[in-house]
């Protein structure tokens, strides 16, 4: 057994109790201390504790860790390197990606350090959100359609093709829509509602601005959209009958809601069994001017918050991912969340 002199988060000295074979003991002590010090130093940073806790049950890639924690890729790679050098993590490759996990063959001392690290991470404020994001990311791995869409989207703008545009694709996809009953909550003047009404069985557009509702209703009448109905109401308690719609859409509306979680509960209430909610909104950001410029109550949302609210409301098959990113400052990113009742 060795003795550590430990103060203010740093190791100052160590000693080994005297024995008859002091030279042999000294060599063993130095070897053990070398490994011990590496482990202690590797786990002396809260960020590395956070990473170790995420790798407790799942092997994750750098990109997945980046999505979960919202930390930079180079920062994560540096921390992973230190943990791997200390013998606490191991990696495996799948194609071009490396996946990291606890070292399965770590010795008993290293395992004790890992368990302590996880206990410490659970006391950090990031832990609950990280675990929700971990659940979301792992579930999405199995969704090959999502992966394929990202691959297609990544290729879309690489080369010009006459007549090929997202606008054209949008019209094509609209024609595939089945005859749904849709509630567009926070519809504004109803641009999306108008598009949907051209294919859906019925669209109910709800907004808390009487002016917007009157404008949208007049435009729908002018365009002969008899299946589009505008209703004045609040997002937290929309004037829609329970279990009456197939699809609820919240397009850039949730960050205007007084109580976002309650709005999602309301969406669940008005959906038929098997119905779907789709949310387009901003990823959490720090552009404070959005409150004054756009009347935003909330500066976007973390994926973990959306996942938690959807799960708490009773939704299943929850999927959340970033689907767009603006190139110009303040670089808003758009999240798409979907779930089934």
C-alpha atoms as a PDB file:
ATOM      1  CA  UNK A   1       0.000   0.000   0.000  1.00  0.00           C
ATOM      2  CA  UNK A   2       1.288   3.511  -0.793  1.00  0.00           C
ATOM      3  CA  UNK A   3       0.523   6.819   0.858  1.00  0.00           C
ATOM      4  CA  UNK A   4      -0.408   9.956  -1.127  1.00  0.00           C
ATOM      5  CA  UNK A   5       0.020  13.512   0.065  1.00  0.00           C
ATOM      6  CA  UNK A   6      -2.973  15.156  -1.585  1.00  0.00           C
ATOM      7  CA  UNK A   7      -3.976  18.810  -1.158  1.00  0.00           C
ATOM      8  CA  UNK A   8      -6.017  21.383  -3.111  1.00  0.00           C
ATOM      9  CA  UNK A   9      -6.683  18.941  -5.939  1.00  0.00           C
ATOM     10  CA  UNK A  10      -2.980  18.162  -6.513  1.00  0.00           C
ATOM     11  CA  UNK A  11      -0.645  15.294  -5.614  1.00  0.00           C
ATOM     12  CA  UNK A  12       2.414  16.655  -3.835  1.00  0.00           C
ATOM     13  CA  UNK A  13       4.234  13.514  -2.715  1.00  0.00           C
ATOM     14  CA  UNK A  14       3.909   9.809  -2.094  1.00  0.00           C
ATOM     15  CA  UNK A  15       5.612   7.329   0.192  1.00  0.00           C
ATOM     16  CA  UNK A  16       5.743   3.573   0.586  1.00  0.00           C
ATOM     17  CA  UNK A  17       5.763   2.007   4.080  1.00  0.00           C
ATOM     18  CA  UNK A  18       9.178   0.610   4.956  1.00  0.00           C
ATOM     19  CA  UNK A  19       9.747  -3.114   4.305  1.00  0.00           C
ATOM     20  CA  UNK A  20      12.694  -5.452   4.373  1.00  0.00           C
ATOM     21  CA  UNK A  21      13.208  -5.321   0.606  1.00  0.00           C
ATOM     22  CA  UNK A  22      13.238  -1.559   0.154  1.00  0.00           C
ATOM     23  CA  UNK A  23      14.816  -1.519  -3.328  1.00  0.00           C
ATOM     24  CA  UNK A  24      12.295  -3.940  -4.824  1.00  0.00           C
ATOM     25  CA  UNK A  25       9.473  -2.154  -3.066  1.00  0.00           C
ATOM     26  CA  UNK A  26      10.696   1.144  -4.442  1.00  0.00           C
ATOM     27  CA  UNK A  27      10.631  -0.171  -8.014  1.00  0.00           C
ATOM     28  CA  UNK A  28       7.116  -1.538  -7.603  1.00  0.00           C
ATOM     29  CA  UNK A  29       6.005   1.691  -5.995  1.00  0.00           C
ATOM     30  CA  UNK A  30       7.345   3.781  -8.841  1.00  0.00           C
ATOM     31  CA  UNK A  31       5.638   1.603 -11.428  1.00  0.00           C
ATOM     32  CA  UNK A  32       2.311   1.721  -9.608  1.00  0.00           C
ATOM     33  CA  UNK A  33       2.630   5.428  -8.977  1.00  0.00           C
ATOM     34  CA  UNK A  34       3.359   6.082 -12.637  1.00  0.00           C
ATOM     35  CA  UNK A  35       0.078   4.400 -13.592  1.00  0.00           C
ATOM     36  CA  UNK A  36      -1.807   5.926 -10.672  1.00  0.00           C
ATOM     37  CA  UNK A  37      -0.602   9.437 -11.350  1.00  0.00           C
ATOM     38  CA  UNK A  38      -1.532   9.138 -15.019  1.00  0.00           C
ATOM     39  CA  UNK A  39      -5.055   8.064 -14.080  1.00  0.00           C
ATOM     40  CA  UNK A  40      -5.440  10.783 -11.465  1.00  0.00           C
ATOM     41  CA  UNK A  41      -4.185  13.468 -13.811  1.00  0.00           C
ATOM     42  CA  UNK A  42      -6.422  12.196 -16.612  1.00  0.00           C
ATOM     43  CA  UNK A  43      -9.462  12.436 -14.350  1.00  0.00           C
ATOM     44  CA  UNK A  44      -8.564  15.762 -12.770  1.00  0.00           C
ATOM     45  CA  UNK A  45     -10.668  17.699 -15.298  1.00  0.00           C
ATOM     46  CA  UNK A  46     -14.498  17.938 -15.057  1.00  0.00           C
ATOM     47  CA  UNK A  47     -14.808  17.667 -18.841  1.00  0.00           C
ATOM     48  CA  UNK A  48     -13.004  14.338 -18.854  1.00  0.00           C
ATOM     49  CA  UNK A  49     -15.275  13.082 -16.070  1.00  0.00           C
ATOM     50  CA  UNK A  50     -18.183  14.066 -18.285  1.00  0.00           C
ATOM     51  CA  UNK A  51     -16.778  12.081 -21.211  1.00  0.00           C
ATOM     52  CA  UNK A  52     -16.042   9.001 -19.103  1.00  0.00           C
ATOM     53  CA  UNK A  53     -19.622   8.983 -17.812  1.00  0.00           C
ATOM     54  CA  UNK A  54     -20.953   9.076 -21.380  1.00  0.00           C
ATOM     55  CA  UNK A  55     -18.799   6.105 -22.337  1.00  0.00           C
ATOM     56  CA  UNK A  56     -20.025   4.019 -19.416  1.00  0.00           C
ATOM     57  CA  UNK A  57     -22.535   2.022 -21.490  1.00  0.00           C
ATOM     58  CA  UNK A  58     -21.960   3.003 -25.121  1.00  0.00           C
ATOM     59  CA  UNK A  59     -19.035   3.303 -27.485  1.00  0.00           C
ATOM     60  CA  UNK A  60     -19.208   6.753 -29.096  1.00  0.00           C
ATOM     61  CA  UNK A  61     -17.420   8.546 -31.904  1.00  0.00           C
ATOM     62  CA  UNK A  62     -15.945  12.031 -31.633  1.00  0.00           C
ATOM     63  CA  UNK A  63     -18.804  13.417 -33.731  1.00  0.00           C
ATOM     64  CA  UNK A  64     -21.386  11.817 -31.452  1.00  0.00           C
ATOM     65  CA  UNK A  65     -19.650  13.185 -28.357  1.00  0.00           C
ATOM     66  CA  UNK A  66     -19.582  16.586 -30.019  1.00  0.00           C
ATOM     67  CA  UNK A  67     -23.322  16.466 -30.696  1.00  0.00           C
ATOM     68  CA  UNK A  68     -24.090  15.352 -27.146  1.00  0.00           C
ATOM     69  CA  UNK A  69     -21.870  17.845 -25.325  1.00  0.00           C
ATOM     70  CA  UNK A  70     -21.771  20.725 -27.843  1.00  0.00           C
ATOM     71  CA  UNK A  71     -18.013  20.952 -27.338  1.00  0.00           C
ATOM     72  CA  UNK A  72     -15.521  21.498 -30.153  1.00  0.00           C
ATOM     73  CA  UNK A  73     -14.120  18.490 -32.003  1.00  0.00           C
ATOM     74  CA  UNK A  74     -10.464  19.278 -31.280  1.00  0.00           C
ATOM     75  CA  UNK A  75     -11.203  19.767 -27.581  1.00  0.00           C
ATOM     76  CA  UNK A  76     -12.942  16.389 -27.356  1.00  0.00           C
ATOM     77  CA  UNK A  77     -10.133  14.654 -29.254  1.00  0.00           C
ATOM     78  CA  UNK A  78      -7.555  16.097 -26.857  1.00  0.00           C
ATOM     79  CA  UNK A  79      -9.445  14.835 -23.807  1.00  0.00           C
ATOM     80  CA  UNK A  80      -9.953  11.404 -25.378  1.00  0.00           C
ATOM     81  CA  UNK A  81      -6.235  11.174 -26.108  1.00  0.00           C
ATOM     82  CA  UNK A  82      -5.333  11.877 -22.480  1.00  0.00           C
ATOM     83  CA  UNK A  83      -7.828   9.309 -21.191  1.00  0.00           C
ATOM     84  CA  UNK A  84      -6.613   6.706 -23.658  1.00  0.00           C
ATOM     85  CA  UNK A  85      -2.955   7.368 -22.804  1.00  0.00           C
ATOM     86  CA  UNK A  86      -3.797   6.757 -19.140  1.00  0.00           C
ATOM     87  CA  UNK A  87      -5.224   3.357 -20.062  1.00  0.00           C
ATOM     88  CA  UNK A  88      -8.793   4.274 -19.140  1.00  0.00           C
ATOM     89  CA  UNK A  89     -10.286   4.118 -22.636  1.00  0.00           C
ATOM     90  CA  UNK A  90      -9.936   1.926 -25.682  1.00  0.00           C
ATOM     91  CA  UNK A  91     -10.938   2.577 -29.288  1.00  0.00           C
ATOM     92  CA  UNK A  92     -12.012   0.615 -32.327  1.00  0.00           C
ATOM     93  CA  UNK A  93     -12.433   1.685 -35.926  1.00  0.00           C
ATOM     94  CA  UNK A  94     -15.454   1.302 -38.178  1.00  0.00           C
ATOM     95  CA  UNK A  95     -14.545   2.580 -41.610  1.00  0.00           C
ATOM     96  CA  UNK A  96     -13.295   6.143 -41.188  1.00  0.00           C
ATOM     97  CA  UNK A  97     -14.669   6.585 -37.673  1.00  0.00           C
ATOM     98  CA  UNK A  98     -13.149   5.632 -34.335  1.00  0.00           C
ATOM     99  CA  UNK A  99     -15.396   4.671 -31.409  1.00  0.00           C
ATOM    100  CA  UNK A 100     -14.264   5.075 -27.793  1.00  0.00           C
ATOM    101  CA  UNK A 101     -15.343   3.161 -24.701  1.00  0.00           C
ATOM    102  CA  UNK A 102     -14.128   2.174 -21.252  1.00  0.00           C
ATOM    103  CA  UNK A 103     -11.079  -0.059 -21.367  1.00  0.00           C
ATOM    104  CA  UNK A 104     -12.534  -3.546 -20.937  1.00  0.00           C
ATOM    105  CA  UNK A 105      -9.175  -4.992 -19.846  1.00  0.00           C
ATOM    106  CA  UNK A 106      -8.284  -2.215 -17.402  1.00  0.00           C
ATOM    107  CA  UNK A 107      -6.773  -3.375 -14.125  1.00  0.00           C
ATOM    108  CA  UNK A 108      -8.664  -3.182 -10.837  1.00  0.00           C
ATOM    109  CA  UNK A 109      -7.120   0.157  -9.878  1.00  0.00           C
ATOM    110  CA  UNK A 110      -8.106   1.753 -13.188  1.00  0.00           C
ATOM    111  CA  UNK A 111     -11.628   0.374 -12.832  1.00  0.00           C
ATOM    112  CA  UNK A 112     -11.914   1.942  -9.392  1.00  0.00           C
ATOM    113  CA  UNK A 113     -10.847   5.284 -10.847  1.00  0.00           C
ATOM    114  CA  UNK A 114     -13.426   4.963 -13.650  1.00  0.00           C
ATOM    115  CA  UNK A 115     -16.221   4.197 -11.191  1.00  0.00           C
ATOM    116  CA  UNK A 116     -15.229   7.186  -9.065  1.00  0.00           C
ATOM    117  CA  UNK A 117     -15.169   9.351 -12.190  1.00  0.00           C
ATOM    118  CA  UNK A 118     -18.733   8.358 -13.069  1.00  0.00           C
ATOM    119  CA  UNK A 119     -19.879   9.080  -9.532  1.00  0.00           C
ATOM    120  CA  UNK A 120     -18.275  12.498  -9.747  1.00  0.00           C
ATOM    121  CA  UNK A 121     -19.809  13.209 -13.147  1.00  0.00           C
ATOM    122  CA  UNK A 122     -23.293  12.465 -11.802  1.00  0.00           C
ATOM    123  CA  UNK A 123     -22.894  15.413  -9.451  1.00  0.00           C
ATOM    124  CA  UNK A 124     -22.226  17.820 -12.344  1.00  0.00           C
ATOM    125  CA  UNK A 125     -24.984  19.993 -13.850  1.00  0.00           C
ATOM    126  CA  UNK A 126     -24.380  18.595 -17.357  1.00  0.00           C
ATOM    127  CA  UNK A 127     -25.091  14.984 -16.421  1.00  0.00           C
ATOM    128  CA  UNK A 128     -28.891  14.818 -16.860  1.00  0.00           C
ATOM    129  CA  UNK A 129     -28.839  16.632 -20.202  1.00  0.00           C
ATOM    130  CA  UNK A 130     -25.926  14.521 -21.444  1.00  0.00           C
ATOM    131  CA  UNK A 131     -27.788  11.306 -20.665  1.00  0.00           C
ATOM    132  CA  UNK A 132     -30.872  12.459 -22.585  1.00  0.00           C
ATOM    133  CA  UNK A 133     -28.741  13.460 -25.568  1.00  0.00           C
ATOM    134  CA  UNK A 134     -26.919  10.120 -25.352  1.00  0.00           C
ATOM    135  CA  UNK A 135     -30.244   8.283 -25.512  1.00  0.00           C
ATOM    136  CA  UNK A 136     -31.261  10.345 -28.535  1.00  0.00           C
ATOM    137  CA  UNK A 137     -27.989   9.849 -30.422  1.00  0.00           C
ATOM    138  CA  UNK A 138     -27.854   6.096 -29.832  1.00  0.00           C
ATOM    139  CA  UNK A 139     -31.472   5.666 -30.957  1.00  0.00           C
ATOM    140  CA  UNK A 140     -30.748   7.586 -34.135  1.00  0.00           C
ATOM    141  CA  UNK A 141     -27.917   5.261 -35.119  1.00  0.00           C
ATOM    142  CA  UNK A 142     -30.495   2.681 -36.067  1.00  0.00           C
ATOM    143  CA  UNK A 143     -32.332   5.041 -38.358  1.00  0.00           C
ATOM    144  CA  UNK A 144     -30.574   4.466 -41.645  1.00  0.00           C
ATOM    145  CA  UNK A 145     -33.048   6.673 -43.481  1.00  0.00           C
ATOM    146  CA  UNK A 146     -31.781   9.661 -41.503  1.00  0.00           C
ATOM    147  CA  UNK A 147     -28.179   8.838 -42.361  1.00  0.00           C
ATOM    148  CA  UNK A 148     -29.066   8.498 -46.017  1.00  0.00           C
ATOM    149  CA  UNK A 149     -30.911  11.832 -46.017  1.00  0.00           C
ATOM    150  CA  UNK A 150     -27.846  13.561 -44.579  1.00  0.00           C
ATOM    151  CA  UNK A 151     -25.724  12.029 -47.320  1.00  0.00           C
ATOM    152  CA  UNK A 152     -28.138  13.208 -49.998  1.00  0.00           C
ATOM    153  CA  UNK A 153     -28.397  16.685 -48.459  1.00  0.00           C
ATOM    154  CA  UNK A 154     -24.616  16.941 -48.312  1.00  0.00           C
ATOM    155  CA  UNK A 155     -24.358  16.224 -52.049  1.00  0.00           C
ATOM    156  CA  UNK A 156     -27.262  18.395 -53.110  1.00  0.00           C
ATOM    157  CA  UNK A 157     -25.478  21.712 -53.560  1.00  0.00           C
ATOM    158  CA  UNK A 158     -22.173  20.372 -54.845  1.00  0.00           C
ATOM    159  CA  UNK A 159     -23.086  20.596 -58.485  1.00  0.00           C
ATOM    160  CA  UNK A 160     -25.599  22.641 -60.424  1.00  0.00           C
ATOM    161  CA  UNK A 161     -28.489  20.901 -62.153  1.00  0.00           C
ATOM    162  CA  UNK A 162     -31.057  22.858 -64.190  1.00  0.00           C
ATOM    163  CA  UNK A 163     -34.397  22.929 -62.384  1.00  0.00           C
ATOM    164  CA  UNK A 164     -33.111  21.078 -59.353  1.00  0.00           C
ATOM    165  CA  UNK A 165     -33.949  22.998 -56.168  1.00  0.00           C
ATOM    166  CA  UNK A 166     -35.238  22.476 -52.641  1.00  0.00           C
ATOM    167  CA  UNK A 167     -38.329  24.438 -53.689  1.00  0.00           C
ATOM    168  CA  UNK A 168     -39.075  21.891 -56.403  1.00  0.00           C
ATOM    169  CA  UNK A 169     -38.401  19.007 -54.033  1.00  0.00           C
ATOM    170  CA  UNK A 170     -40.788  20.575 -51.525  1.00  0.00           C
ATOM    171  CA  UNK A 171     -43.625  20.670 -54.047  1.00  0.00           C
ATOM    172  CA  UNK A 172     -42.928  17.075 -55.016  1.00  0.00           C
ATOM    173  CA  UNK A 173     -43.049  15.916 -51.382  1.00  0.00           C
ATOM    174  CA  UNK A 174     -46.268  17.869 -50.742  1.00  0.00           C
ATOM    175  CA  UNK A 175     -47.995  15.782 -53.412  1.00  0.00           C
ATOM    176  CA  UNK A 176     -47.096  12.611 -51.505  1.00  0.00           C
ATOM    177  CA  UNK A 177     -48.941  13.745 -48.373  1.00  0.00           C
ATOM    178  CA  UNK A 178     -51.922  11.583 -47.392  1.00  0.00           C
ATOM    179  CA  UNK A 179     -55.273  13.290 -46.575  1.00  0.00           C
ATOM    180  CA  UNK A 180     -54.337  14.344 -43.042  1.00  0.00           C
ATOM    181  CA  UNK A 181     -56.007  16.641 -40.542  1.00  0.00           C
ATOM    182  CA  UNK A 182     -53.277  19.049 -39.445  1.00  0.00           C
ATOM    183  CA  UNK A 183     -52.994  21.617 -36.647  1.00  0.00           C
ATOM    184  CA  UNK A 184     -50.432  24.331 -37.395  1.00  0.00           C
ATOM    185  CA  UNK A 185     -49.806  25.893 -33.969  1.00  0.00           C
ATOM    186  CA  UNK A 186     -48.265  29.356 -34.003  1.00  0.00           C
ATOM    187  CA  UNK A 187     -49.101  29.649 -37.687  1.00  0.00           C
ATOM    188  CA  UNK A 188     -48.612  33.402 -38.060  1.00  0.00           C
ATOM    189  CA  UNK A 189     -50.148  34.561 -41.338  1.00  0.00           C
ATOM    190  CA  UNK A 190     -50.352  30.927 -42.457  1.00  0.00           C
ATOM    191  CA  UNK A 191     -47.732  30.445 -45.160  1.00  0.00           C
ATOM    192  CA  UNK A 192     -47.090  26.816 -44.231  1.00  0.00           C
ATOM    193  CA  UNK A 193     -50.795  26.232 -43.569  1.00  0.00           C
ATOM    194  CA  UNK A 194     -51.631  27.358 -47.104  1.00  0.00           C
ATOM    195  CA  UNK A 195     -49.150  24.951 -48.637  1.00  0.00           C
ATOM    196  CA  UNK A 196     -50.432  22.053 -46.544  1.00  0.00           C
ATOM    197  CA  UNK A 197     -54.082  22.883 -47.247  1.00  0.00           C
ATOM    198  CA  UNK A 198     -53.557  22.275 -50.939  1.00  0.00           C
ATOM    199  CA  UNK A 199     -53.017  18.586 -50.207  1.00  0.00           C
ATOM    200  CA  UNK A 200     -54.359  17.826 -46.722  1.00  0.00           C
ATOM    201  CA  UNK A 201     -57.920  16.979 -45.743  1.00  0.00           C
ATOM    202  CA  UNK A 202     -58.112  19.877 -43.292  1.00  0.00           C
ATOM    203  CA  UNK A 203     -55.684  22.379 -41.754  1.00  0.00           C
ATOM    204  CA  UNK A 204     -56.378  24.266 -38.535  1.00  0.00           C
ATOM    205  CA  UNK A 205     -54.101  27.291 -38.174  1.00  0.00           C
ATOM    206  CA  UNK A 206     -53.849  28.641 -34.616  1.00  0.00           C
ATOM    207  CA  UNK A 207     -52.226  31.919 -33.620  1.00  0.00           C
ATOM    208  CA  UNK A 208     -52.509  34.252 -30.606  1.00  0.00           C
ATOM    209  CA  UNK A 209     -52.590  37.383 -32.771  1.00  0.00           C
ATOM    210  CA  UNK A 210     -56.086  38.390 -33.849  1.00  0.00           C
ATOM    211  CA  UNK A 211     -54.575  40.478 -36.619  1.00  0.00           C
ATOM    212  CA  UNK A 212     -52.693  37.489 -38.033  1.00  0.00           C
ATOM    213  CA  UNK A 213     -55.786  35.282 -37.808  1.00  0.00           C
ATOM    214  CA  UNK A 214     -57.938  37.808 -39.690  1.00  0.00           C
ATOM    215  CA  UNK A 215     -55.268  38.302 -42.350  1.00  0.00           C
ATOM    216  CA  UNK A 216     -54.750  34.557 -42.825  1.00  0.00           C
ATOM    217  CA  UNK A 217     -58.472  33.817 -42.969  1.00  0.00           C
ATOM    218  CA  UNK A 218     -59.042  36.530 -45.585  1.00  0.00           C
ATOM    219  CA  UNK A 219     -56.185  35.216 -47.722  1.00  0.00           C
ATOM    220  CA  UNK A 220     -57.410  31.619 -47.456  1.00  0.00           C
ATOM    221  CA  UNK A 221     -60.872  32.729 -48.596  1.00  0.00           C
ATOM    222  CA  UNK A 222     -59.379  34.677 -51.480  1.00  0.00           C
ATOM    223  CA  UNK A 223     -57.410  31.630 -52.595  1.00  0.00           C
ATOM    224  CA  UNK A 224     -60.414  29.336 -52.303  1.00  0.00           C
ATOM    225  CA  UNK A 225     -58.922  27.161 -49.566  1.00  0.00           C
ATOM    226  CA  UNK A 226     -62.123  25.974 -47.884  1.00  0.00           C
ATOM    227  CA  UNK A 227     -60.269  23.306 -45.890  1.00  0.00           C
ATOM    228  CA  UNK A 228     -58.061  25.897 -44.143  1.00  0.00           C
ATOM    229  CA  UNK A 229     -59.513  27.309 -40.922  1.00  0.00           C
ATOM    230  CA  UNK A 230     -57.868  29.998 -38.797  1.00  0.00           C
ATOM    231  CA  UNK A 231     -58.530  30.067 -35.052  1.00  0.00           C
ATOM    232  CA  UNK A 232     -57.448  32.597 -32.454  1.00  0.00           C
ATOM    233  CA  UNK A 233     -55.892  30.934 -29.423  1.00  0.00           C
ATOM    234  CA  UNK A 234     -52.929  30.237 -27.185  1.00  0.00           C
ATOM    235  CA  UNK A 235     -50.223  27.653 -27.822  1.00  0.00           C
ATOM    236  CA  UNK A 236     -50.565  26.222 -24.324  1.00  0.00           C
ATOM    237  CA  UNK A 237     -54.307  25.606 -24.784  1.00  0.00           C
ATOM    238  CA  UNK A 238     -55.112  25.643 -28.512  1.00  0.00           C
ATOM    239  CA  UNK A 239     -58.821  25.727 -29.482  1.00  0.00           C
ATOM    240  CA  UNK A 240     -58.697  22.261 -31.020  1.00  0.00           C
ATOM    241  CA  UNK A 241     -60.720  19.253 -29.895  1.00  0.00           C
ATOM    242  CA  UNK A 242     -58.875  16.464 -28.075  1.00  0.00           C
ATOM    243  CA  UNK A 243     -57.715  13.512 -30.220  1.00  0.00           C
ATOM    244  CA  UNK A 244     -58.921  15.190 -33.415  1.00  0.00           C
ATOM    245  CA  UNK A 245     -55.830  15.749 -35.605  1.00  0.00           C
ATOM    246  CA  UNK A 246     -53.290  13.478 -37.306  1.00  0.00           C
ATOM    247  CA  UNK A 247     -50.379  15.901 -37.258  1.00  0.00           C
ATOM    248  CA  UNK A 248     -49.362  18.857 -35.077  1.00  0.00           C
ATOM    249  CA  UNK A 249     -46.766  21.259 -36.469  1.00  0.00           C
ATOM    250  CA  UNK A 250     -44.857  23.854 -34.459  1.00  0.00           C
ATOM    251  CA  UNK A 251     -42.728  25.665 -37.011  1.00  0.00           C
ATOM    252  CA  UNK A 252     -40.475  28.284 -35.381  1.00  0.00           C
ATOM    253  CA  UNK A 253     -43.271  28.846 -32.860  1.00  0.00           C
ATOM    254  CA  UNK A 254     -42.128  27.109 -29.683  1.00  0.00           C
ATOM    255  CA  UNK A 255     -39.588  29.812 -28.796  1.00  0.00           C
ATOM    256  CA  UNK A 256     -42.513  32.270 -28.643  1.00  0.00           C
ATOM    257  CA  UNK A 257     -44.467  30.100 -26.191  1.00  0.00           C
ATOM    258  CA  UNK A 258     -44.767  31.184 -22.594  1.00  0.00           C
ATOM    259  CA  UNK A 259     -44.492  27.553 -21.444  1.00  0.00           C
ATOM    260  CA  UNK A 260     -42.846  25.353 -24.118  1.00  0.00           C
ATOM    261  CA  UNK A 261     -43.283  22.144 -22.106  1.00  0.00           C
ATOM    262  CA  UNK A 262     -47.003  22.833 -21.674  1.00  0.00           C
ATOM    263  CA  UNK A 263     -47.331  23.530 -25.388  1.00  0.00           C
ATOM    264  CA  UNK A 264     -45.970  20.059 -26.137  1.00  0.00           C
ATOM    265  CA  UNK A 265     -48.420  18.548 -23.635  1.00  0.00           C
ATOM    266  CA  UNK A 266     -51.226  20.364 -25.467  1.00  0.00           C
ATOM    267  CA  UNK A 267     -49.990  18.970 -28.794  1.00  0.00           C
ATOM    268  CA  UNK A 268     -50.199  15.464 -27.340  1.00  0.00           C
ATOM    269  CA  UNK A 269     -53.745  16.121 -26.129  1.00  0.00           C
ATOM    270  CA  UNK A 270     -55.147  17.148 -29.516  1.00  0.00           C
ATOM    271  CA  UNK A 271     -53.480  14.342 -31.472  1.00  0.00           C
ATOM    272  CA  UNK A 272     -55.241  11.132 -32.390  1.00  0.00           C
ATOM    273  CA  UNK A 273     -53.618   7.895 -31.170  1.00  0.00           C
ATOM    274  CA  UNK A 274     -50.765   7.212 -33.565  1.00  0.00           C
ATOM    275  CA  UNK A 275     -50.604  10.896 -34.538  1.00  0.00           C
ATOM    276  CA  UNK A 276     -47.351  12.769 -34.952  1.00  0.00           C
ATOM    277  CA  UNK A 277     -45.892  16.045 -33.745  1.00  0.00           C
ATOM    278  CA  UNK A 278     -43.204  17.867 -35.737  1.00  0.00           C
ATOM    279  CA  UNK A 279     -41.242  20.778 -34.295  1.00  0.00           C
ATOM    280  CA  UNK A 280     -38.939  23.081 -36.219  1.00  0.00           C
ATOM    281  CA  UNK A 281     -37.084  25.472 -33.939  1.00  0.00           C
ATOM    282  CA  UNK A 282     -33.706  26.968 -33.174  1.00  0.00           C
ATOM    283  CA  UNK A 283     -30.906  25.274 -31.358  1.00  0.00           C
ATOM    284  CA  UNK A 284     -30.019  27.125 -28.168  1.00  0.00           C
ATOM    285  CA  UNK A 285     -27.992  30.252 -28.964  1.00  0.00           C
ATOM    286  CA  UNK A 286     -26.703  33.421 -27.287  1.00  0.00           C
ATOM    287  CA  UNK A 287     -28.033  36.066 -29.692  1.00  0.00           C
ATOM    288  CA  UNK A 288     -29.828  38.189 -27.080  1.00  0.00           C
ATOM    289  CA  UNK A 289     -30.973  40.713 -29.681  1.00  0.00           C
ATOM    290  CA  UNK A 290     -33.469  38.100 -30.905  1.00  0.00           C
ATOM    291  CA  UNK A 291     -35.734  39.022 -27.995  1.00  0.00           C
ATOM    292  CA  UNK A 292     -36.116  42.587 -29.260  1.00  0.00           C
ATOM    293  CA  UNK A 293     -35.766  41.987 -33.004  1.00  0.00           C
ATOM    294  CA  UNK A 294     -38.088  38.987 -33.343  1.00  0.00           C
ATOM    295  CA  UNK A 295     -40.023  38.952 -30.082  1.00  0.00           C
ATOM    296  CA  UNK A 296     -38.487  35.636 -29.023  1.00  0.00           C
ATOM    297  CA  UNK A 297     -39.178  34.519 -25.446  1.00  0.00           C
ATOM    298  CA  UNK A 298     -36.579  31.742 -25.601  1.00  0.00           C
ATOM    299  CA  UNK A 299     -33.153  31.740 -27.235  1.00  0.00           C
ATOM    300  CA  UNK A 300     -33.681  28.367 -28.849  1.00  0.00           C
ATOM    301  CA  UNK A 301     -33.581  25.018 -27.099  1.00  0.00           C
ATOM    302  CA  UNK A 302     -31.126  22.273 -26.271  1.00  0.00           C
ATOM    303  CA  UNK A 303     -31.898  18.895 -27.848  1.00  0.00           C
ATOM    304  CA  UNK A 304     -32.015  17.401 -24.365  1.00  0.00           C
ATOM    305  CA  UNK A 305     -34.764  19.826 -23.304  1.00  0.00           C
ATOM    306  CA  UNK A 306     -36.925  18.976 -26.299  1.00  0.00           C
ATOM    307  CA  UNK A 307     -36.387  15.258 -25.752  1.00  0.00           C
ATOM    308  CA  UNK A 308     -37.287  15.538 -22.071  1.00  0.00           C
ATOM    309  CA  UNK A 309     -40.466  17.539 -22.739  1.00  0.00           C
ATOM    310  CA  UNK A 310     -41.615  15.162 -25.472  1.00  0.00           C
ATOM    311  CA  UNK A 311     -40.931  12.083 -23.377  1.00  0.00           C
ATOM    312  CA  UNK A 312     -42.642  13.567 -20.322  1.00  0.00           C
ATOM    313  CA  UNK A 313     -45.725  14.458 -22.393  1.00  0.00           C
ATOM    314  CA  UNK A 314     -46.062  10.798 -23.375  1.00  0.00           C
ATOM    315  CA  UNK A 315     -44.595  10.796 -26.887  1.00  0.00           C
ATOM    316  CA  UNK A 316     -42.744   7.789 -28.325  1.00  0.00           C
ATOM    317  CA  UNK A 317     -40.290   7.259 -31.186  1.00  0.00           C
ATOM    318  CA  UNK A 318     -38.653  10.625 -30.544  1.00  0.00           C
ATOM    319  CA  UNK A 319     -36.155  11.846 -33.136  1.00  0.00           C
ATOM    320  CA  UNK A 320     -34.257  15.137 -32.904  1.00  0.00           C
ATOM    321  CA  UNK A 321     -31.516  16.388 -35.204  1.00  0.00           C
ATOM    322  CA  UNK A 322     -30.021  19.569 -36.617  1.00  0.00           C
ATOM    323  CA  UNK A 323     -31.263  20.031 -40.190  1.00  0.00           C
ATOM    324  CA  UNK A 324     -29.935  23.462 -41.180  1.00  0.00           C
ATOM    325  CA  UNK A 325     -27.191  25.900 -40.231  1.00  0.00           C
ATOM    326  CA  UNK A 326     -26.888  29.510 -41.350  1.00  0.00           C
ATOM    327  CA  UNK A 327     -23.536  30.581 -42.777  1.00  0.00           C
ATOM    328  CA  UNK A 328     -23.871  34.203 -41.663  1.00  0.00           C
ATOM    329  CA  UNK A 329     -23.662  35.437 -38.036  1.00  0.00           C
ATOM    330  CA  UNK A 330     -25.217  34.721 -35.607  1.00  0.00           C
ATOM    331  CA  UNK A 331     -25.133  31.268 -37.257  1.00  0.00           C
ATOM    332  CA  UNK A 332     -28.567  30.069 -36.177  1.00  0.00           C
ATOM    333  CA  UNK A 333     -29.030  26.306 -36.342  1.00  0.00           C
ATOM    334  CA  UNK A 334     -32.409  24.687 -36.881  1.00  0.00           C
ATOM    335  CA  UNK A 335     -33.570  21.561 -35.088  1.00  0.00           C
ATOM    336  CA  UNK A 336     -36.239  19.174 -36.332  1.00  0.00           C
ATOM    337  CA  UNK A 337     -37.960  17.098 -33.651  1.00  0.00           C
ATOM    338  CA  UNK A 338     -40.609  14.487 -34.392  1.00  0.00           C
ATOM    339  CA  UNK A 339     -42.456  12.026 -32.175  1.00  0.00           C
ATOM    340  CA  UNK A 340     -45.486   9.733 -32.170  1.00  0.00           C
ATOM    341  CA  UNK A 341     -48.407   9.616 -29.750  1.00  0.00           C
END
